[in-house]
Amino acid sequence: MKRVLIIEDHDATAVGIRSILENDTEHFNIEIAYDYESALTFLKEHTYDVVTLDLKLKDRFGLELLKEFRRVDAVTPVLVLSVEPEAHYALPVARAGGQGYLEKTASAGEIRRAVKQVMNGSRYISTSIIDQVMLRVEEKHGGQTVVPQWDDVNRSIIRLLCAGNTTKEIAREVELSQQAVFKRISKMREELNLKTNEQLAVWSVKMGLC
């Protein structure tokens, strides 16, 4: 049976997430940690297939929480569930070591889908964010499917971007200047009618480039 650890300091929310997962056709062994120290205790005593993590706990806050969690456990897949807008946090969460981000207002079906997808080793991006990004691309290209003719360097840049690397880190990996990488990313965004690196990463994941 798959094991799930819910890290959430609001009892009603934690119980709600547990109830959503318990109503899935797949049976889970679910435990709840209501603060960061309790979560550390659970992680030392058990192995989990996925962790859902609230970014705002009473004793920890923000992306530093996820980074600190990753220093303790670098392996277990993490799905962040938060009230903060996904559009602002999806890529920063990836940079901090998370495999997915979902707003707490998501439907029960989407929460279950996200947990299982992350558990199976894939990244998760919500359908609403994907739809917004795909619409921007379609608006520029008349609804046609876009198949970019990118070289190997651009494809490497995209894979690194999806993994949450910064421009500086990408430049080091592909052995280009930071300015050269910035120009390549800007040109790819312009080609697709996308404004941010987050949107470019979302589109790339959807198209199977990451």
Foldseek 3Di string as FASTA:
>chain_A
DAEEEEEAQDPVLSVVLVVLQCPDPDHYHYDYDNADVSVLVDVVVDDHLEYEAEQDHPVHHHLVSLLVVCVSPVDHAYEYEYQDDCLVCALVNLQSRHQEYDYSVDDSVVSNVQRVQSSVPHGDDDPVLLVVLVVQQCVVVVNDDDDDPDDPLLLQLLVCSLSNDDLCVSCVVSVHDSVVSVVSQVVVCVNRRHDDSSSSNSNCVVVVSD
